[in-house]
PDB file of all heavy atoms in Angstrom:
ATOM      1  N   VAL A   1     121.056  43.014  73.708  1.00  0.00           N
ATOM      2  CA  VAL A   1     119.969  42.926  72.743  1.00  0.00           C
ATOM      3  C   VAL A   1     119.057  41.800  73.218  1.00  0.00           C
ATOM      4  O   VAL A   1     119.503  40.680  73.439  1.00  0.00           O
ATOM      5  CB  VAL A   1     120.503  42.625  71.328  1.00  0.00           C
ATOM      6  CG1 VAL A   1     119.356  42.306  70.379  1.00  0.00           C
ATOM      7  CG2 VAL A   1     121.322  43.810  70.809  1.00  0.00           C
ATOM      8  N   ARG A   2     117.778  42.123  73.395  1.00  0.00           N
ATOM      9  CA  ARG A   2     116.836  41.155  73.957  1.00  0.00           C
ATOM     10  C   ARG A   2     115.797  40.734  72.919  1.00  0.00           C
ATOM     11  O   ARG A   2     115.332  41.547  72.115  1.00  0.00           O
ATOM     12  CB  ARG A   2     116.109  41.746  75.173  1.00  0.00           C
ATOM     13  CG  ARG A   2     117.014  42.027  76.369  1.00  0.00           C
ATOM     14  CD  ARG A   2     116.200  42.522  77.547  1.00  0.00           C
ATOM     15  NE  ARG A   2     116.989  42.641  78.764  1.00  0.00           N
ATOM     16  CZ  ARG A   2     117.539  43.765  79.204  1.00  0.00           C
ATOM     17  NH1 ARG A   2     117.397  44.881  78.524  1.00  0.00           N
ATOM     18  NH2 ARG A   2     118.237  43.778  80.332  1.00  0.00           N
ATOM     19  N   VAL A   3     115.415  39.466  72.990  1.00  0.00           N
ATOM     20  CA  VAL A   3     114.320  38.913  72.195  1.00  0.00           C
ATOM     21  C   VAL A   3     113.333  38.293  73.170  1.00  0.00           C
ATOM     22  O   VAL A   3     113.722  37.571  74.090  1.00  0.00           O
ATOM     23  CB  VAL A   3     114.822  37.865  71.191  1.00  0.00           C
ATOM     24  CG1 VAL A   3     113.654  37.137  70.533  1.00  0.00           C
ATOM     25  CG2 VAL A   3     115.699  38.522  70.130  1.00  0.00           C
ATOM     26  N   GLY A   4     112.039  38.565  72.963  1.00  0.00           N
ATOM     27  CA  GLY A   4     111.051  38.167  73.956  1.00  0.00           C
ATOM     28  C   GLY A   4     111.019  39.196  75.070  1.00  0.00           C
ATOM     29  O   GLY A   4     111.845  40.114  75.130  1.00  0.00           O
ATOM     30  N   ASN A   5     110.064  39.053  75.983  1.00  0.00           N
ATOM     31  CA  ASN A   5     109.936  40.058  77.033  1.00  0.00           C
ATOM     32  C   ASN A   5     109.421  39.404  78.318  1.00  0.00           C
ATOM     33  O   ASN A   5     108.271  38.977  78.389  1.00  0.00           O
ATOM     34  CB  ASN A   5     108.978  41.166  76.586  1.00  0.00           C
ATOM     35  CG  ASN A   5     109.141  42.430  77.389  1.00  0.00           C
ATOM     36  OD1 ASN A   5     109.178  42.386  78.611  1.00  0.00           O
ATOM     37  ND2 ASN A   5     109.239  43.563  76.701  1.00  0.00           N
ATOM     38  N   ALA A   6     110.315  39.327  79.310  1.00  0.00           N
ATOM     39  CA  ALA A   6     109.974  38.652  80.562  1.00  0.00           C
ATOM     40  C   ALA A   6     108.948  39.414  81.387  1.00  0.00           C
ATOM     41  O   ALA A   6     108.402  38.870  82.343  1.00  0.00           O
ATOM     42  CB  ALA A   6     111.238  38.432  81.395  1.00  0.00           C
ATOM     43  N   ALA A   7     108.654  40.665  81.016  1.00  0.00           N
ATOM     44  CA  ALA A   7     107.635  41.409  81.756  1.00  0.00           C
ATOM     45  C   ALA A   7     106.254  40.793  81.597  1.00  0.00           C
ATOM     46  O   ALA A   7     105.332  41.150  82.342  1.00  0.00           O
ATOM     47  CB  ALA A   7     107.614  42.868  81.298  1.00  0.00           C
ATOM     48  N   HIS A   8     106.103  39.866  80.665  1.00  0.00           N
ATOM     49  CA  HIS A   8     104.792  39.216  80.516  1.00  0.00           C
ATOM     50  C   HIS A   8     104.438  38.386  81.753  1.00  0.00           C
ATOM     51  O   HIS A   8     103.286  38.015  81.942  1.00  0.00           O
ATOM     52  CB  HIS A   8     104.772  38.329  79.261  1.00  0.00           C
ATOM     53  CG  HIS A   8     105.503  37.034  79.388  1.00  0.00           C
ATOM     54  ND1 HIS A   8     106.866  36.923  79.214  1.00  0.00           N
ATOM     55  CD2 HIS A   8     105.071  35.776  79.675  1.00  0.00           C
ATOM     56  CE1 HIS A   8     107.228  35.664  79.384  1.00  0.00           C
ATOM     57  NE2 HIS A   8     106.164  34.953  79.662  1.00  0.00           N
ATOM     58  N   GLU A   9     105.431  38.124  82.611  1.00  0.00           N
ATOM     59  CA  GLU A   9     105.189  37.375  83.836  1.00  0.00           C
ATOM     60  C   GLU A   9     104.723  38.268  84.990  1.00  0.00           C
ATOM     61  O   GLU A   9     104.345  37.776  86.049  1.00  0.00           O
ATOM     62  CB  GLU A   9     106.455  36.644  84.261  1.00  0.00           C
ATOM     63  CG  GLU A   9     106.955  35.636  83.230  1.00  0.00           C
ATOM     64  CD  GLU A   9     108.286  35.022  83.628  1.00  0.00           C
ATOM     65  OE1 GLU A   9     109.085  35.710  84.294  1.00  0.00           O
ATOM     66  OE2 GLU A   9     108.504  33.865  83.269  1.00  0.00           O
ATOM     67  N   GLN A  10     104.754  39.576  84.804  1.00  0.00           N
ATOM     68  CA  GLN A  10     104.443  40.492  85.899  1.00  0.00           C
ATOM     69  C   GLN A  10     102.943  40.571  86.180  1.00  0.00           C
ATOM     70  O   GLN A  10     102.112  40.262  85.334  1.00  0.00           O
ATOM     71  CB  GLN A  10     104.958  41.897  85.565  1.00  0.00           C
ATOM     72  CG  GLN A  10     106.463  42.029  85.539  1.00  0.00           C
ATOM     73  CD  GLN A  10     106.890  43.469  85.305  1.00  0.00           C
ATOM     74  OE1 GLN A  10     106.080  44.328  84.997  1.00  0.00           O
ATOM     75  NE2 GLN A  10     108.177  43.725  85.464  1.00  0.00           N
ATOM     76  N   PHE A  11     102.640  41.030  87.397  1.00  0.00           N
ATOM     77  CA  PHE A  11     101.269  41.356  87.771  1.00  0.00           C
ATOM     78  C   PHE A  11     101.089  42.861  87.658  1.00  0.00           C
ATOM     79  O   PHE A  11     101.758  43.633  88.345  1.00  0.00           O
ATOM     80  CB  PHE A  11     100.975  40.901  89.204  1.00  0.00           C
ATOM     81  CG  PHE A  11      99.669  41.428  89.743  1.00  0.00           C
ATOM     82  CD1 PHE A  11      98.476  41.226  89.056  1.00  0.00           C
ATOM     83  CD2 PHE A  11      99.635  42.124  90.945  1.00  0.00           C
ATOM     84  CE1 PHE A  11      97.276  41.713  89.557  1.00  0.00           C
ATOM     85  CE2 PHE A  11      98.429  42.615  91.449  1.00  0.00           C
ATOM     86  CZ  PHE A  11      97.249  42.405  90.762  1.00  0.00           C
ATOM     87  N   GLN A  12     100.198  43.269  86.758  1.00  0.00           N
ATOM     88  CA  GLN A  12      99.884  44.690  86.594  1.00  0.00           C
ATOM     89  C   GLN A  12      98.375  44.851  86.706  1.00  0.00           C
ATOM     90  O   GLN A  12      97.619  44.420  85.831  1.00  0.00           O
ATOM     91  CB  GLN A  12     100.387  45.217  85.246  1.00  0.00           C
ATOM     92  CG  GLN A  12     101.900  45.327  85.157  1.00  0.00           C
ATOM     93  CD  GLN A  12     102.349  45.950  83.849  1.00  0.00           C
ATOM     94  OE1 GLN A  12     101.630  46.716  83.246  1.00  0.00           O
ATOM     95  NE2 GLN A  12     103.545  45.588  83.411  1.00  0.00           N
ATOM     96  N   LEU A  13      97.957  45.478  87.758  1.00  0.00           N
ATOM     97  CA  LEU A  13      96.537  45.640  88.036  1.00  0.00           C
ATOM     98  C   LEU A  13      95.852  46.519  87.001  1.00  0.00           C
ATOM     99  O   LEU A  13      94.667  46.333  86.694  1.00  0.00           O
ATOM    100  CB  LEU A  13      96.370  46.232  89.445  1.00  0.00           C
ATOM    101  CG  LEU A  13      94.956  46.452  89.969  1.00  0.00           C
ATOM    102  CD1 LEU A  13      94.206  45.123  90.065  1.00  0.00           C
ATOM    103  CD2 LEU A  13      95.018  47.147  91.336  1.00  0.00           C
ATOM    104  N   ASP A  14      96.571  47.489  86.441  1.00  0.00           N
ATOM    105  CA  ASP A  14      95.941  48.470  85.555  1.00  0.00           C
ATOM    106  C   ASP A  14      95.372  47.869  84.279  1.00  0.00           C
ATOM    107  O   ASP A  14      94.435  48.412  83.693  1.00  0.00           O
ATOM    108  CB  ASP A  14      96.936  49.581  85.206  1.00  0.00           C
ATOM    109  CG  ASP A  14      98.135  49.069  84.434  1.00  0.00           C
ATOM    110  OD1 ASP A  14      98.932  48.319  85.031  1.00  0.00           O
ATOM    111  OD2 ASP A  14      98.288  49.414  83.249  1.00  0.00           O
ATOM    112  N   VAL A  15      95.907  46.724  83.837  1.00  0.00           N
ATOM    113  CA  VAL A  15      95.460  46.192  82.551  1.00  0.00           C
ATOM    114  C   VAL A  15      94.006  45.724  82.593  1.00  0.00           C
ATOM    115  O   VAL A  15      93.325  45.705  81.563  1.00  0.00           O
ATOM    116  CB  VAL A  15      96.374  45.046  82.060  1.00  0.00           C
ATOM    117  CG1 VAL A  15      97.777  45.566  81.791  1.00  0.00           C
ATOM    118  CG2 VAL A  15      96.386  43.878  83.024  1.00  0.00           C
ATOM    119  N   TYR A  16      93.503  45.373  83.774  1.00  0.00           N
ATOM    120  CA  TYR A  16      92.098  44.973  83.874  1.00  0.00           C
ATOM    121  C   TYR A  16      91.183  46.173  83.588  1.00  0.00           C
ATOM    122  O   TYR A  16      90.161  46.042  82.912  1.00  0.00           O
ATOM    123  CB  TYR A  16      91.805  44.401  85.260  1.00  0.00           C
ATOM    124  CG  TYR A  16      92.529  43.092  85.522  1.00  0.00           C
ATOM    125  CD1 TYR A  16      93.753  43.075  86.183  1.00  0.00           C
ATOM    126  CD2 TYR A  16      91.992  41.884  85.093  1.00  0.00           C
ATOM    127  CE1 TYR A  16      94.428  41.887  86.412  1.00  0.00           C
ATOM    128  CE2 TYR A  16      92.652  40.688  85.324  1.00  0.00           C
ATOM    129  CZ  TYR A  16      93.873  40.693  85.981  1.00  0.00           C
ATOM    130  OH  TYR A  16      94.540  39.511  86.199  1.00  0.00           O
ATOM    131  N   GLY A  17      91.561  47.328  84.104  1.00  0.00           N
ATOM    132  CA  GLY A  17      90.798  48.535  83.807  1.00  0.00           C
ATOM    133  C   GLY A  17      90.883  48.918  82.343  1.00  0.00           C
ATOM    134  O   GLY A  17      89.891  49.363  81.740  1.00  0.00           O
ATOM    135  N   GLU A  18      92.068  48.757  81.757  1.00  0.00           N
ATOM    136  CA  GLU A  18      92.222  49.043  80.327  1.00  0.00           C
ATOM    137  C   GLU A  18      91.283  48.169  79.499  1.00  0.00           C
ATOM    138  O   GLU A  18      90.631  48.641  78.559  1.00  0.00           O
ATOM    139  CB  GLU A  18      93.666  48.827  79.896  1.00  0.00           C
ATOM    140  CG  GLU A  18      94.626  49.913  80.309  1.00  0.00           C
ATOM    141  CD  GLU A  18      94.408  51.216  79.562  1.00  0.00           C
ATOM    142  OE1 GLU A  18      93.670  51.222  78.553  1.00  0.00           O
ATOM    143  OE2 GLU A  18      94.966  52.240  79.989  1.00  0.00           O
ATOM    144  N   LEU A  19      91.248  46.893  79.840  1.00  0.00           N
ATOM    145  CA  LEU A  19      90.384  45.977  79.087  1.00  0.00           C
ATOM    146  C   LEU A  19      88.919  46.342  79.234  1.00  0.00           C
ATOM    147  O   LEU A  19      88.174  46.426  78.244  1.00  0.00           O
ATOM    148  CB  LEU A  19      90.601  44.545  79.582  1.00  0.00           C
ATOM    149  CG  LEU A  19      91.580  43.678  78.826  1.00  0.00           C
ATOM    150  CD1 LEU A  19      91.633  42.297  79.453  1.00  0.00           C
ATOM    151  CD2 LEU A  19      91.198  43.565  77.359  1.00  0.00           C
ATOM    152  N   MET A  20      88.468  46.553  80.473  1.00  0.00           N
ATOM    153  CA  MET A  20      87.063  46.862  80.696  1.00  0.00           C
ATOM    154  C   MET A  20      86.687  48.187  80.034  1.00  0.00           C
ATOM    155  O   MET A  20      85.574  48.338  79.498  1.00  0.00           O
ATOM    156  CB  MET A  20      86.762  46.907  82.194  1.00  0.00           C
ATOM    157  CG  MET A  20      86.851  45.549  82.889  1.00  0.00           C
ATOM    158  SD  MET A  20      85.711  44.324  82.203  1.00  0.00           S
ATOM    159  CE  MET A  20      84.117  45.062  82.615  1.00  0.00           C
ATOM    160  N   ASP A  21      87.602  49.129  80.032  1.00  0.00           N
ATOM    161  CA  ASP A  21      87.354  50.410  79.356  1.00  0.00           C
ATOM    162  C   ASP A  21      87.246  50.194  77.847  1.00  0.00           C
ATOM    163  O   ASP A  21      86.372  50.756  77.182  1.00  0.00           O
ATOM    164  CB  ASP A  21      88.493  51.378  79.686  1.00  0.00           C
ATOM    165  CG  ASP A  21      88.109  52.825  79.425  1.00  0.00           C
ATOM    166  OD1 ASP A  21      86.935  53.094  79.107  1.00  0.00           O
ATOM    167  OD2 ASP A  21      88.986  53.699  79.540  1.00  0.00           O
ATOM    168  N   ALA A  22      88.137  49.377  77.302  1.00  0.00           N
ATOM    169  CA  ALA A  22      88.098  49.108  75.862  1.00  0.00           C
ATOM    170  C   ALA A  22      86.789  48.438  75.463  1.00  0.00           C
ATOM    171  O   ALA A  22      86.181  48.784  74.440  1.00  0.00           O
ATOM    172  CB  ALA A  22      89.286  48.234  75.469  1.00  0.00           C
ATOM    173  N   PHE A  23      86.342  47.477  76.269  1.00  0.00           N
ATOM    174  CA  PHE A  23      85.085  46.805  75.948  1.00  0.00           C
ATOM    175  C   PHE A  23      83.901  47.774  76.047  1.00  0.00           C
ATOM    176  O   PHE A  23      82.967  47.703  75.240  1.00  0.00           O
ATOM    177  CB  PHE A  23      84.870  45.607  76.867  1.00  0.00           C
ATOM    178  CG  PHE A  23      85.829  44.469  76.610  1.00  0.00           C
ATOM    179  CD1 PHE A  23      86.413  43.778  77.663  1.00  0.00           C
ATOM    180  CD2 PHE A  23      86.149  44.087  75.319  1.00  0.00           C
ATOM    181  CE1 PHE A  23      87.292  42.729  77.430  1.00  0.00           C
ATOM    182  CE2 PHE A  23      87.028  43.049  75.076  1.00  0.00           C
ATOM    183  CZ  PHE A  23      87.604  42.362  76.137  1.00  0.00           C
ATOM    184  N   GLU A  24      83.927  48.685  77.025  1.00  0.00           N
ATOM    185  CA  GLU A  24      82.864  49.677  77.146  1.00  0.00           C
ATOM    186  C   GLU A  24      82.865  50.617  75.939  1.00  0.00           C
ATOM    187  O   GLU A  24      81.802  50.933  75.380  1.00  0.00           O
ATOM    188  CB  GLU A  24      83.034  50.468  78.444  1.00  0.00           C
ATOM    189  CG  GLU A  24      82.140  51.698  78.586  1.00  0.00           C
ATOM    190  CD  GLU A  24      80.648  51.374  78.611  1.00  0.00           C
ATOM    191  OE1 GLU A  24      80.275  50.176  78.728  1.00  0.00           O
ATOM    192  OE2 GLU A  24      79.851  52.314  78.491  1.00  0.00           O
ATOM    193  N   GLN A  25      84.055  51.075  75.527  1.00  0.00           N
ATOM    194  CA  GLN A  25      84.124  51.956  74.359  1.00  0.00           C
ATOM    195  C   GLN A  25      83.653  51.230  73.105  1.00  0.00           C
ATOM    196  O   GLN A  25      83.029  51.836  72.228  1.00  0.00           O
ATOM    197  CB  GLN A  25      85.553  52.478  74.172  1.00  0.00           C
ATOM    198  CG  GLN A  25      86.105  53.299  75.323  1.00  0.00           C
ATOM    199  CD  GLN A  25      85.248  54.500  75.668  1.00  0.00           C
ATOM    200  OE1 GLN A  25      84.608  55.086  74.802  1.00  0.00           O
ATOM    201  NE2 GLN A  25      85.239  54.870  76.944  1.00  0.00           N
ATOM    202  N   SER A  26      83.937  49.940  73.004  1.00  0.00           N
ATOM    203  CA  SER A  26      83.502  49.188  71.829  1.00  0.00           C
ATOM    204  C   SER A  26      81.982  49.029  71.826  1.00  0.00           C
ATOM    205  O   SER A  26      81.361  49.014  70.760  1.00  0.00           O
ATOM    206  CB  SER A  26      84.193  47.817  71.779  1.00  0.00           C
ATOM    207  OG  SER A  26      83.712  46.944  72.779  1.00  0.00           O
ATOM    208  N   ARG A  27      81.375  48.921  73.011  1.00  0.00           N
ATOM    209  CA  ARG A  27      79.908  48.882  73.074  1.00  0.00           C
ATOM    210  C   ARG A  27      79.323  50.218  72.609  1.00  0.00           C
ATOM    211  O   ARG A  27      78.376  50.261  71.821  1.00  0.00           O
ATOM    212  CB  ARG A  27      79.422  48.568  74.496  1.00  0.00           C
ATOM    213  CG  ARG A  27      79.486  47.098  74.873  1.00  0.00           C
ATOM    214  CD  ARG A  27      78.747  46.830  76.178  1.00  0.00           C
ATOM    215  NE  ARG A  27      79.442  47.376  77.337  1.00  0.00           N
ATOM    216  CZ  ARG A  27      80.352  46.714  78.046  1.00  0.00           C
ATOM    217  NH1 ARG A  27      80.693  45.485  77.701  1.00  0.00           N
ATOM    218  NH2 ARG A  27      80.919  47.265  79.096  1.00  0.00           N
ATOM    219  N   LYS A  28      79.890  51.307  73.103  1.00  0.00           N
ATOM    220  CA  LYS A  28      79.412  52.627  72.698  1.00  0.00           C
ATOM    221  C   LYS A  28      79.584  52.837  71.199  1.00  0.00           C
ATOM    222  O   LYS A  28      78.745  53.458  70.546  1.00  0.00           O
ATOM    223  CB  LYS A  28      80.179  53.717  73.446  1.00  0.00           C
ATOM    224  CG  LYS A  28      79.850  53.850  74.917  1.00  0.00           C
ATOM    225  CD  LYS A  28      80.657  54.994  75.510  1.00  0.00           C
ATOM    226  CE  LYS A  28      80.358  55.207  76.977  1.00  0.00           C
ATOM    227  NZ  LYS A  28      81.171  56.310  77.543  1.00  0.00           N
ATOM    228  N   GLY A  29      80.697  52.346  70.671  1.00  0.00           N
ATOM    229  CA  GLY A  29      80.991  52.548  69.253  1.00  0.00           C
ATOM    230  C   GLY A  29      80.327  51.548  68.336  1.00  0.00           C
ATOM    231  O   GLY A  29      80.462  51.645  67.116  1.00  0.00           O
ATOM    232  N   GLY A  30      79.596  50.578  68.900  1.00  0.00           N
ATOM    233  CA  GLY A  30      78.892  49.618  68.073  1.00  0.00           C
ATOM    234  C   GLY A  30      79.789  48.627  67.369  1.00  0.00           C
ATOM    235  O   GLY A  30      79.445  48.110  66.299  1.00  0.00           O
ATOM    236  N   LEU A  31      80.957  48.338  67.948  1.00  0.00           N
ATOM    237  CA  LEU A  31      81.884  47.403  67.309  1.00  0.00           C
ATOM    238  C   LEU A  31      81.450  45.957  67.486  1.00  0.00           C
ATOM    239  O   LEU A  31      81.956  45.077  66.804  1.00  0.00           O
ATOM    240  CB  LEU A  31      83.296  47.571  67.890  1.00  0.00           C
ATOM    241  CG  LEU A  31      83.984  48.907  67.599  1.00  0.00           C
ATOM    242  CD1 LEU A  31      85.378  48.903  68.203  1.00  0.00           C
ATOM    243  CD2 LEU A  31      84.053  49.187  66.116  1.00  0.00           C
ATOM    244  N   ALA A  32      80.549  45.704  68.411  1.00  0.00           N
ATOM    245  CA  ALA A  32      80.089  44.342  68.660  1.00  0.00           C
ATOM    246  C   ALA A  32      78.713  44.408  69.291  1.00  0.00           C
ATOM    247  O   ALA A  32      78.284  45.454  69.784  1.00  0.00           O
ATOM    248  CB  ALA A  32      81.061  43.606  69.584  1.00  0.00           C
ATOM    249  N   ALA A  33      78.026  43.294  69.277  1.00  0.00           N
ATOM    250  CA  ALA A  33      76.745  43.234  69.972  1.00  0.00           C
ATOM    251  C   ALA A  33      76.962  43.556  71.446  1.00  0.00           C
ATOM    252  O   ALA A  33      78.004  43.220  72.026  1.00  0.00           O
ATOM    253  CB  ALA A  33      76.134  41.845  69.816  1.00  0.00           C
ATOM    254  N   THR A  34      75.989  44.209  72.064  1.00  0.00           N
ATOM    255  CA  THR A  34      76.135  44.703  73.437  1.00  0.00           C
ATOM    256  C   THR A  34      76.569  43.603  74.403  1.00  0.00           C
ATOM    257  O   THR A  34      77.435  43.810  75.260  1.00  0.00           O
ATOM    258  CB  THR A  34      74.809  45.322  73.907  1.00  0.00           C
ATOM    259  OG1 THR A  34      74.505  46.419  73.063  1.00  0.00           O
ATOM    260  CG2 THR A  34      74.919  45.793  75.347  1.00  0.00           C
ATOM    261  N   GLU A  35      75.982  42.433  74.273  1.00  0.00           N
ATOM    262  CA  GLU A  35      76.243  41.376  75.251  1.00  0.00           C
ATOM    263  C   GLU A  35      77.488  40.554  74.934  1.00  0.00           C
ATOM    264  O   GLU A  35      77.882  39.699  75.734  1.00  0.00           O
ATOM    265  CB  GLU A  35      75.027  40.450  75.348  1.00  0.00           C
ATOM    266  CG  GLU A  35      74.795  39.561  74.127  1.00  0.00           C
ATOM    267  CD  GLU A  35      74.072  40.272  72.987  1.00  0.00           C
ATOM    268  OE1 GLU A  35      73.805  41.490  73.123  1.00  0.00           O
ATOM    269  OE2 GLU A  35      73.795  39.623  71.962  1.00  0.00           O
TER     270      GLU A  35
END
């Protein structure tokens, strides 16, 4: 039984694309000012 998650130390390249995609979708959806 584990508490906490050591995978937070890993390098995962895909998360940068996820973030940039999320910010782009939020711009399209008007969730925040464009800039």
